[in-house]
């Protein structure tokens, strides 16, 4: 098999891993550590700078998938379609509520970005994040409020949006998972699993797009002709598998809840510990 064909296969596999794990509450970071070590570092296909740029590119593929799935919701948030009121007279989710949810993690990430990059991106911290996030998810399922849950993001309050944003701060610890922390927080605050997931995915677009866009600008010089097929294959793969996994996850989450994902995370943390530590 030629080296170029192997690069494309690796790109598709990494795009698959990104797409299947970015929005499920299982930590894409934990999975990418394992797959990156097996397929990128061990084979030394590209320099570390190109490999890191590739991870940004495939994240953009995942973001595009969320935009497609929630296109009507984003049109409504941006005022590109007329807002309708439901029969109860309540209005739809507001863009200001999304901003309120984004503020805590955005502010914390801005001030502690360098510290996180220098001290928290290690195999050991990711394994800890996987296990700790799993415990939060189990707690969310076991201790969620007994009252009838909020079944739509349109019924959310600003207070709930802000507190979910605080839970999102936990995802700044690599391995904790943005989806795991915010869905758990939403469930503990009285949302059902589907509405908490919807709000999680909606918030993910601006925060991921901002972070990925900034990284892309910083690493633009690594877009060479040789690496371009690798980037394109990974982007398309991440987009397709994100589209599949998001739709499947949203249909499934109200039925299976969070505990099965938590169990999987604990197993993954143990695998990472025994392989890398």
C-alpha atoms as a PDB file:
ATOM      1  CA  UNK A   1       0.000   0.000   0.000  1.00  0.00           C
ATOM      2  CA  UNK A   2       1.404   3.405  -0.973  1.00  0.00           C
ATOM      3  CA  UNK A   3       2.205   5.998   1.682  1.00  0.00           C
ATOM      4  CA  UNK A   4      -0.364   8.455   0.287  1.00  0.00           C
ATOM      5  CA  UNK A   5      -3.135   5.848   0.442  1.00  0.00           C
ATOM      6  CA  UNK A   6      -2.167   4.993   4.032  1.00  0.00           C
ATOM      7  CA  UNK A   7      -2.312   8.694   4.941  1.00  0.00           C
ATOM      8  CA  UNK A   8      -5.873   8.902   3.568  1.00  0.00           C
ATOM      9  CA  UNK A   9      -6.917   5.781   5.507  1.00  0.00           C
ATOM     10  CA  UNK A  10      -5.439   7.207   8.712  1.00  0.00           C
ATOM     11  CA  UNK A  11      -7.242  10.515   8.079  1.00  0.00           C
ATOM     12  CA  UNK A  12     -10.567   8.696   7.631  1.00  0.00           C
ATOM     13  CA  UNK A  13     -10.037   6.686  10.821  1.00  0.00           C
ATOM     14  CA  UNK A  14      -9.151   9.775  12.837  1.00  0.00           C
ATOM     15  CA  UNK A  15     -12.146  11.616  11.360  1.00  0.00           C
ATOM     16  CA  UNK A  16     -14.337   8.688  12.376  1.00  0.00           C
ATOM     17  CA  UNK A  17     -13.022   8.814  15.960  1.00  0.00           C
ATOM     18  CA  UNK A  18     -13.546  12.580  16.099  1.00  0.00           C
ATOM     19  CA  UNK A  19     -17.034  12.352  14.616  1.00  0.00           C
ATOM     20  CA  UNK A  20     -18.223   9.529  16.857  1.00  0.00           C
ATOM     21  CA  UNK A  21     -16.839  10.975  20.107  1.00  0.00           C
ATOM     22  CA  UNK A  22     -16.858  14.792  19.875  1.00  0.00           C
ATOM     23  CA  UNK A  23     -20.489  15.221  20.888  1.00  0.00           C
ATOM     24  CA  UNK A  24     -21.171  12.019  22.793  1.00  0.00           C
ATOM     25  CA  UNK A  25     -20.354  12.341  26.524  1.00  0.00           C
ATOM     26  CA  UNK A  26     -17.308  10.054  26.261  1.00  0.00           C
ATOM     27  CA  UNK A  27     -14.462  12.589  25.724  1.00  0.00           C
ATOM     28  CA  UNK A  28     -13.030  12.904  22.230  1.00  0.00           C
ATOM     29  CA  UNK A  29      -9.719  13.904  23.856  1.00  0.00           C
ATOM     30  CA  UNK A  30      -9.379  10.531  25.580  1.00  0.00           C
ATOM     31  CA  UNK A  31     -10.039   8.659  22.360  1.00  0.00           C
ATOM     32  CA  UNK A  32      -7.748  10.840  20.278  1.00  0.00           C
ATOM     33  CA  UNK A  33      -4.879  10.210  22.703  1.00  0.00           C
ATOM     34  CA  UNK A  34      -5.107   6.470  22.069  1.00  0.00           C
ATOM     35  CA  UNK A  35      -5.659   6.673  18.309  1.00  0.00           C
ATOM     36  CA  UNK A  36      -3.165   9.497  17.821  1.00  0.00           C
ATOM     37  CA  UNK A  37      -0.457   7.457  19.537  1.00  0.00           C
ATOM     38  CA  UNK A  38      -1.251   4.370  17.468  1.00  0.00           C
ATOM     39  CA  UNK A  39      -1.704   5.994  14.050  1.00  0.00           C
ATOM     40  CA  UNK A  40       0.087   9.334  13.955  1.00  0.00           C
ATOM     41  CA  UNK A  41       2.989   9.331  16.361  1.00  0.00           C
ATOM     42  CA  UNK A  42       3.934   5.690  15.895  1.00  0.00           C
ATOM     43  CA  UNK A  43       3.914   6.005  12.074  1.00  0.00           C
ATOM     44  CA  UNK A  44       5.371   9.550  12.058  1.00  0.00           C
ATOM     45  CA  UNK A  45       3.285  10.487   9.028  1.00  0.00           C
ATOM     46  CA  UNK A  46       3.618  14.206   9.616  1.00  0.00           C
ATOM     47  CA  UNK A  47       5.342  16.618  11.962  1.00  0.00           C
ATOM     48  CA  UNK A  48       3.656  17.315  15.333  1.00  0.00           C
ATOM     49  CA  UNK A  49       2.637  20.774  14.041  1.00  0.00           C
ATOM     50  CA  UNK A  50       0.858  19.324  11.000  1.00  0.00           C
ATOM     51  CA  UNK A  51      -0.761  16.623  13.146  1.00  0.00           C
ATOM     52  CA  UNK A  52      -2.100  19.252  15.570  1.00  0.00           C
ATOM     53  CA  UNK A  53      -3.398  21.361  12.671  1.00  0.00           C
ATOM     54  CA  UNK A  54      -5.163  18.269  11.332  1.00  0.00           C
ATOM     55  CA  UNK A  55      -7.031  17.896  14.640  1.00  0.00           C
ATOM     56  CA  UNK A  56      -8.304  21.457  14.261  1.00  0.00           C
ATOM     57  CA  UNK A  57      -9.463  20.760  10.703  1.00  0.00           C
ATOM     58  CA  UNK A  58     -11.460  17.676  11.658  1.00  0.00           C
ATOM     59  CA  UNK A  59     -13.082  19.594  14.525  1.00  0.00           C
ATOM     60  CA  UNK A  60     -14.380  22.050  11.930  1.00  0.00           C
ATOM     61  CA  UNK A  61     -15.976  19.090  10.134  1.00  0.00           C
ATOM     62  CA  UNK A  62     -17.764  18.156  13.356  1.00  0.00           C
ATOM     63  CA  UNK A  63     -18.936  21.746  13.867  1.00  0.00           C
ATOM     64  CA  UNK A  64     -20.398  21.843  10.357  1.00  0.00           C
ATOM     65  CA  UNK A  65     -22.393  18.690  11.150  1.00  0.00           C
ATOM     66  CA  UNK A  66     -23.985  20.374  14.196  1.00  0.00           C
ATOM     67  CA  UNK A  67     -24.888  23.407  12.106  1.00  0.00           C
ATOM     68  CA  UNK A  68     -26.619  21.136   9.569  1.00  0.00           C
ATOM     69  CA  UNK A  69     -28.560  19.182  12.224  1.00  0.00           C
ATOM     70  CA  UNK A  70     -29.675  22.363  14.037  1.00  0.00           C
ATOM     71  CA  UNK A  71     -29.924  24.650  10.995  1.00  0.00           C
ATOM     72  CA  UNK A  72     -33.492  25.741  11.753  1.00  0.00           C
ATOM     73  CA  UNK A  73     -32.629  26.474  15.368  1.00  0.00           C
ATOM     74  CA  UNK A  74     -29.621  28.593  14.365  1.00  0.00           C
ATOM     75  CA  UNK A  75     -31.709  30.468  11.807  1.00  0.00           C
ATOM     76  CA  UNK A  76     -34.204  31.262  14.555  1.00  0.00           C
ATOM     77  CA  UNK A  77     -31.481  32.330  17.008  1.00  0.00           C
ATOM     78  CA  UNK A  78     -29.899  34.648  14.429  1.00  0.00           C
ATOM     79  CA  UNK A  79     -33.248  36.168  13.472  1.00  0.00           C
ATOM     80  CA  UNK A  80     -33.151  34.752   9.945  1.00  0.00           C
ATOM     81  CA  UNK A  81     -36.657  33.346  10.235  1.00  0.00           C
ATOM     82  CA  UNK A  82     -39.745  34.705  11.911  1.00  0.00           C
ATOM     83  CA  UNK A  83     -40.085  33.641  15.543  1.00  0.00           C
ATOM     84  CA  UNK A  84     -43.329  31.879  16.318  1.00  0.00           C
ATOM     85  CA  UNK A  85     -44.848  31.470  19.730  1.00  0.00           C
ATOM     86  CA  UNK A  86     -45.985  28.100  20.990  1.00  0.00           C
ATOM     87  CA  UNK A  87     -49.592  27.538  22.175  1.00  0.00           C
ATOM     88  CA  UNK A  88     -48.656  28.286  25.809  1.00  0.00           C
ATOM     89  CA  UNK A  89     -47.457  31.747  24.825  1.00  0.00           C
ATOM     90  CA  UNK A  90     -43.828  31.057  25.698  1.00  0.00           C
ATOM     91  CA  UNK A  91     -41.148  32.300  23.315  1.00  0.00           C
ATOM     92  CA  UNK A  92     -38.319  30.271  21.822  1.00  0.00           C
ATOM     93  CA  UNK A  93     -34.770  29.933  23.105  1.00  0.00           C
ATOM     94  CA  UNK A  94     -33.000  33.299  22.862  1.00  0.00           C
ATOM     95  CA  UNK A  95     -29.520  34.008  21.547  1.00  0.00           C
ATOM     96  CA  UNK A  96     -28.873  35.879  24.795  1.00  0.00           C
ATOM     97  CA  UNK A  97     -29.506  32.665  26.742  1.00  0.00           C
ATOM     98  CA  UNK A  98     -26.872  30.894  24.659  1.00  0.00           C
ATOM     99  CA  UNK A  99     -24.445  33.758  25.311  1.00  0.00           C
ATOM    100  CA  UNK A 100     -25.140  33.543  29.046  1.00  0.00           C
ATOM    101  CA  UNK A 101     -24.343  29.832  28.889  1.00  0.00           C
ATOM    102  CA  UNK A 102     -21.103  30.479  27.012  1.00  0.00           C
ATOM    103  CA  UNK A 103     -19.713  33.216  29.258  1.00  0.00           C
ATOM    104  CA  UNK A 104     -18.364  31.224  32.249  1.00  0.00           C
ATOM    105  CA  UNK A 105     -16.197  28.770  30.296  1.00  0.00           C
ATOM    106  CA  UNK A 106     -15.158  31.438  27.773  1.00  0.00           C
ATOM    107  CA  UNK A 107     -13.909  33.771  30.504  1.00  0.00           C
ATOM    108  CA  UNK A 108     -12.199  30.998  32.465  1.00  0.00           C
ATOM    109  CA  UNK A 109     -10.639  29.557  29.309  1.00  0.00           C
ATOM    110  CA  UNK A 110      -9.341  32.963  28.229  1.00  0.00           C
ATOM    111  CA  UNK A 111      -7.469  33.516  31.498  1.00  0.00           C
ATOM    112  CA  UNK A 112      -6.232  29.961  32.010  1.00  0.00           C
ATOM    113  CA  UNK A 113      -5.598  28.764  28.433  1.00  0.00           C
ATOM    114  CA  UNK A 114      -1.811  28.722  28.800  1.00  0.00           C
ATOM    115  CA  UNK A 115      -1.953  26.979  32.178  1.00  0.00           C
ATOM    116  CA  UNK A 116      -4.305  24.313  30.805  1.00  0.00           C
ATOM    117  CA  UNK A 117      -2.118  23.705  27.735  1.00  0.00           C
ATOM    118  CA  UNK A 118       1.066  23.476  29.793  1.00  0.00           C
ATOM    119  CA  UNK A 119      -0.111  21.486  32.817  1.00  0.00           C
ATOM    120  CA  UNK A 120      -3.350  19.608  32.070  1.00  0.00           C
ATOM    121  CA  UNK A 121      -2.811  18.005  28.658  1.00  0.00           C
ATOM    122  CA  UNK A 122      -1.277  14.725  29.746  1.00  0.00           C
ATOM    123  CA  UNK A 123      -2.378  11.115  29.667  1.00  0.00           C
ATOM    124  CA  UNK A 124      -2.721  11.070  33.447  1.00  0.00           C
ATOM    125  CA  UNK A 125      -4.944  14.164  33.653  1.00  0.00           C
ATOM    126  CA  UNK A 126      -7.139  12.900  30.808  1.00  0.00           C
ATOM    127  CA  UNK A 127      -7.642   9.562  32.609  1.00  0.00           C
ATOM    128  CA  UNK A 128      -8.598  11.469  35.765  1.00  0.00           C
ATOM    129  CA  UNK A 129     -11.010  13.634  33.765  1.00  0.00           C
ATOM    130  CA  UNK A 130     -12.646  10.581  32.220  1.00  0.00           C
ATOM    131  CA  UNK A 131     -13.242   8.969  35.618  1.00  0.00           C
ATOM    132  CA  UNK A 132     -14.360  12.174  37.364  1.00  0.00           C
ATOM    133  CA  UNK A 133     -16.740  13.025  34.524  1.00  0.00           C
ATOM    134  CA  UNK A 134     -18.197   9.531  34.704  1.00  0.00           C
ATOM    135  CA  UNK A 135     -18.984  10.021  38.403  1.00  0.00           C
ATOM    136  CA  UNK A 136     -20.763  13.316  37.615  1.00  0.00           C
ATOM    137  CA  UNK A 137     -22.844  11.609  34.924  1.00  0.00           C
ATOM    138  CA  UNK A 138     -23.856   8.808  37.289  1.00  0.00           C
ATOM    139  CA  UNK A 139     -24.786  11.403  39.930  1.00  0.00           C
ATOM    140  CA  UNK A 140     -26.895  13.299  37.361  1.00  0.00           C
ATOM    141  CA  UNK A 141     -28.941  10.188  36.565  1.00  0.00           C
ATOM    142  CA  UNK A 142     -29.315   9.161  40.192  1.00  0.00           C
ATOM    143  CA  UNK A 143     -30.061  12.552  41.753  1.00  0.00           C
ATOM    144  CA  UNK A 144     -31.932  14.426  39.046  1.00  0.00           C
ATOM    145  CA  UNK A 145     -34.985  16.361  40.331  1.00  0.00           C
ATOM    146  CA  UNK A 146     -38.150  14.362  40.882  1.00  0.00           C
ATOM    147  CA  UNK A 147     -40.391  17.056  39.374  1.00  0.00           C
ATOM    148  CA  UNK A 148     -41.400  16.781  35.691  1.00  0.00           C
ATOM    149  CA  UNK A 149     -38.383  17.787  33.584  1.00  0.00           C
ATOM    150  CA  UNK A 150     -38.059  20.617  31.093  1.00  0.00           C
ATOM    151  CA  UNK A 151     -38.632  18.866  27.774  1.00  0.00           C
ATOM    152  CA  UNK A 152     -37.484  21.611  25.394  1.00  0.00           C
ATOM    153  CA  UNK A 153     -34.757  24.247  25.314  1.00  0.00           C
ATOM    154  CA  UNK A 154     -37.570  26.714  24.614  1.00  0.00           C
ATOM    155  CA  UNK A 155     -38.691  26.273  28.234  1.00  0.00           C
ATOM    156  CA  UNK A 156     -35.252  26.990  29.718  1.00  0.00           C
ATOM    157  CA  UNK A 157     -34.654  29.945  32.017  1.00  0.00           C
ATOM    158  CA  UNK A 158     -31.654  32.288  32.031  1.00  0.00           C
ATOM    159  CA  UNK A 159     -30.706  30.852  35.416  1.00  0.00           C
ATOM    160  CA  UNK A 160     -30.562  27.330  34.004  1.00  0.00           C
ATOM    161  CA  UNK A 161     -28.519  28.529  31.014  1.00  0.00           C
ATOM    162  CA  UNK A 162     -26.012  30.219  33.328  1.00  0.00           C
ATOM    163  CA  UNK A 163     -25.636  27.219  35.627  1.00  0.00           C
ATOM    164  CA  UNK A 164     -25.189  24.878  32.670  1.00  0.00           C
ATOM    165  CA  UNK A 165     -22.463  27.285  31.554  1.00  0.00           C
ATOM    166  CA  UNK A 166     -20.801  26.865  34.942  1.00  0.00           C
ATOM    167  CA  UNK A 167     -20.895  23.090  34.527  1.00  0.00           C
ATOM    168  CA  UNK A 168     -19.264  23.572  31.124  1.00  0.00           C
ATOM    169  CA  UNK A 169     -16.229  25.017  32.930  1.00  0.00           C
ATOM    170  CA  UNK A 170     -15.461  21.468  34.077  1.00  0.00           C
ATOM    171  CA  UNK A 171     -14.763  20.545  30.450  1.00  0.00           C
ATOM    172  CA  UNK A 172     -11.691  22.798  30.483  1.00  0.00           C
ATOM    173  CA  UNK A 173     -10.070  19.853  32.269  1.00  0.00           C
ATOM    174  CA  UNK A 174      -9.078  17.577  29.352  1.00  0.00           C
ATOM    175  CA  UNK A 175     -10.992  14.304  29.365  1.00  0.00           C
ATOM    176  CA  UNK A 176     -13.930  15.662  31.348  1.00  0.00           C
ATOM    177  CA  UNK A 177     -15.948  16.136  28.130  1.00  0.00           C
ATOM    178  CA  UNK A 178     -17.986  19.193  27.182  1.00  0.00           C
ATOM    179  CA  UNK A 179     -21.052  17.077  26.460  1.00  0.00           C
ATOM    180  CA  UNK A 180     -20.647  15.035  29.628  1.00  0.00           C
ATOM    181  CA  UNK A 181     -20.381  18.069  31.892  1.00  0.00           C
ATOM    182  CA  UNK A 182     -23.127  20.193  30.321  1.00  0.00           C
ATOM    183  CA  UNK A 183     -25.674  17.404  29.799  1.00  0.00           C
ATOM    184  CA  UNK A 184     -25.122  16.278  33.392  1.00  0.00           C
ATOM    185  CA  UNK A 185     -25.510  19.849  34.592  1.00  0.00           C
ATOM    186  CA  UNK A 186     -28.682  20.306  32.579  1.00  0.00           C
ATOM    187  CA  UNK A 187     -30.220  17.115  33.968  1.00  0.00           C
ATOM    188  CA  UNK A 188     -29.352  18.118  37.557  1.00  0.00           C
ATOM    189  CA  UNK A 189     -30.986  21.510  36.880  1.00  0.00           C
ATOM    190  CA  UNK A 190     -34.261  19.948  35.764  1.00  0.00           C
ATOM    191  CA  UNK A 191     -33.948  19.439  31.989  1.00  0.00           C
ATOM    192  CA  UNK A 192     -34.573  16.077  30.422  1.00  0.00           C
ATOM    193  CA  UNK A 193     -31.640  14.418  28.682  1.00  0.00           C
ATOM    194  CA  UNK A 194     -32.704  15.431  25.170  1.00  0.00           C
ATOM    195  CA  UNK A 195     -33.194  19.132  25.919  1.00  0.00           C
ATOM    196  CA  UNK A 196     -29.899  19.232  27.857  1.00  0.00           C
ATOM    197  CA  UNK A 197     -28.221  17.626  24.841  1.00  0.00           C
ATOM    198  CA  UNK A 198     -29.802  20.116  22.434  1.00  0.00           C
ATOM    199  CA  UNK A 199     -28.512  23.060  24.460  1.00  0.00           C
ATOM    200  CA  UNK A 200     -25.082  21.427  24.730  1.00  0.00           C
ATOM    201  CA  UNK A 201     -24.779  21.045  20.955  1.00  0.00           C
ATOM    202  CA  UNK A 202     -26.038  24.574  20.286  1.00  0.00           C
ATOM    203  CA  UNK A 203     -23.462  26.033  22.705  1.00  0.00           C
ATOM    204  CA  UNK A 204     -20.716  23.878  21.192  1.00  0.00           C
ATOM    205  CA  UNK A 205     -20.825  25.629  17.810  1.00  0.00           C
ATOM    206  CA  UNK A 206     -19.659  29.143  18.775  1.00  0.00           C
ATOM    207  CA  UNK A 207     -17.166  27.989  21.404  1.00  0.00           C
ATOM    208  CA  UNK A 208     -15.629  25.286  19.181  1.00  0.00           C
ATOM    209  CA  UNK A 209     -15.681  27.494  16.094  1.00  0.00           C
ATOM    210  CA  UNK A 210     -13.924  30.284  17.975  1.00  0.00           C
ATOM    211  CA  UNK A 211     -11.251  28.003  19.410  1.00  0.00           C
ATOM    212  CA  UNK A 212     -10.730  26.113  16.138  1.00  0.00           C
ATOM    213  CA  UNK A 213     -10.705  29.285  14.057  1.00  0.00           C
ATOM    214  CA  UNK A 214      -8.044  30.850  16.268  1.00  0.00           C
ATOM    215  CA  UNK A 215      -5.907  27.704  16.109  1.00  0.00           C
ATOM    216  CA  UNK A 216      -6.314  27.584  12.343  1.00  0.00           C
ATOM    217  CA  UNK A 217      -5.061  31.149  11.943  1.00  0.00           C
ATOM    218  CA  UNK A 218      -2.052  30.388  14.145  1.00  0.00           C
ATOM    219  CA  UNK A 219      -1.192  27.240  12.178  1.00  0.00           C
ATOM    220  CA  UNK A 220      -2.032  28.356   8.641  1.00  0.00           C
ATOM    221  CA  UNK A 221       1.568  27.858   7.471  1.00  0.00           C
ATOM    222  CA  UNK A 222       1.227  24.085   7.899  1.00  0.00           C
ATOM    223  CA  UNK A 223      -1.316  23.822   5.061  1.00  0.00           C
ATOM    224  CA  UNK A 224       1.015  22.393   2.443  1.00  0.00           C
ATOM    225  CA  UNK A 225       0.100  20.718  -0.844  1.00  0.00           C
ATOM    226  CA  UNK A 226       1.432  17.412   0.503  1.00  0.00           C
ATOM    227  CA  UNK A 227      -0.786  17.551   3.595  1.00  0.00           C
ATOM    228  CA  UNK A 228      -3.921  18.857   1.846  1.00  0.00           C
ATOM    229  CA  UNK A 229      -5.394  15.422   0.857  1.00  0.00           C
ATOM    230  CA  UNK A 230      -4.842  14.300   4.468  1.00  0.00           C
ATOM    231  CA  UNK A 231      -6.737  17.330   5.782  1.00  0.00           C
ATOM    232  CA  UNK A 232      -9.583  17.045   3.254  1.00  0.00           C
ATOM    233  CA  UNK A 233     -10.132  13.321   3.899  1.00  0.00           C
ATOM    234  CA  UNK A 234     -10.192  13.905   7.661  1.00  0.00           C
ATOM    235  CA  UNK A 235     -12.593  16.847   7.367  1.00  0.00           C
ATOM    236  CA  UNK A 236     -15.069  14.903   5.218  1.00  0.00           C
ATOM    237  CA  UNK A 237     -14.824  11.833   7.444  1.00  0.00           C
ATOM    238  CA  UNK A 238     -15.385  13.856  10.631  1.00  0.00           C
ATOM    239  CA  UNK A 239     -18.351  15.656   9.056  1.00  0.00           C
ATOM    240  CA  UNK A 240     -20.074  12.454   7.883  1.00  0.00           C
ATOM    241  CA  UNK A 241     -19.560  10.500  11.099  1.00  0.00           C
ATOM    242  CA  UNK A 242     -20.504  13.498  13.267  1.00  0.00           C
ATOM    243  CA  UNK A 243     -23.735  13.844  11.295  1.00  0.00           C
ATOM    244  CA  UNK A 244     -24.537  10.163  11.876  1.00  0.00           C
ATOM    245  CA  UNK A 245     -23.569  10.114  15.547  1.00  0.00           C
ATOM    246  CA  UNK A 246     -25.412  13.328  16.479  1.00  0.00           C
ATOM    247  CA  UNK A 247     -28.687  12.172  14.930  1.00  0.00           C
ATOM    248  CA  UNK A 248     -28.354   8.721  16.513  1.00  0.00           C
ATOM    249  CA  UNK A 249     -27.391  10.135  19.917  1.00  0.00           C
ATOM    250  CA  UNK A 250     -30.322  12.576  20.040  1.00  0.00           C
ATOM    251  CA  UNK A 251     -32.784   9.755  19.298  1.00  0.00           C
ATOM    252  CA  UNK A 252     -31.220   7.529  21.931  1.00  0.00           C
ATOM    253  CA  UNK A 253     -30.309   9.716  24.915  1.00  0.00           C
ATOM    254  CA  UNK A 254     -33.757  10.005  26.544  1.00  0.00           C
ATOM    255  CA  UNK A 255     -34.018   6.208  26.583  1.00  0.00           C
ATOM    256  CA  UNK A 256     -30.615   5.098  27.834  1.00  0.00           C
ATOM    257  CA  UNK A 257     -29.654   8.188  29.908  1.00  0.00           C
ATOM    258  CA  UNK A 258     -26.029   8.769  30.978  1.00  0.00           C
ATOM    259  CA  UNK A 259     -24.981   5.764  33.058  1.00  0.00           C
ATOM    260  CA  UNK A 260     -24.007   3.515  30.089  1.00  0.00           C
ATOM    261  CA  UNK A 261     -21.711   6.261  28.802  1.00  0.00           C
ATOM    262  CA  UNK A 262     -20.265   6.684  32.297  1.00  0.00           C
ATOM    263  CA  UNK A 263     -19.435   2.979  32.520  1.00  0.00           C
ATOM    264  CA  UNK A 264     -17.738   3.157  29.125  1.00  0.00           C
ATOM    265  CA  UNK A 265     -15.674   6.156  30.285  1.00  0.00           C
ATOM    266  CA  UNK A 266     -14.465   4.308  33.361  1.00  0.00           C
ATOM    267  CA  UNK A 267     -13.372   1.373  31.186  1.00  0.00           C
ATOM    268  CA  UNK A 268     -11.600   3.760  28.789  1.00  0.00           C
ATOM    269  CA  UNK A 269      -9.839   5.501  31.687  1.00  0.00           C
ATOM    270  CA  UNK A 270      -8.609   2.108  32.915  1.00  0.00           C
ATOM    271  CA  UNK A 271      -7.381   1.175  29.431  1.00  0.00           C
ATOM    272  CA  UNK A 272      -5.498   4.472  29.094  1.00  0.00           C
ATOM    273  CA  UNK A 273      -4.009   4.042  32.552  1.00  0.00           C
ATOM    274  CA  UNK A 274      -2.714   0.548  31.915  1.00  0.00           C
ATOM    275  CA  UNK A 275      -1.436   1.262  28.399  1.00  0.00           C
ATOM    276  CA  UNK A 276       0.204   4.646  28.916  1.00  0.00           C
ATOM    277  CA  UNK A 277       0.916   5.009  32.629  1.00  0.00           C
END
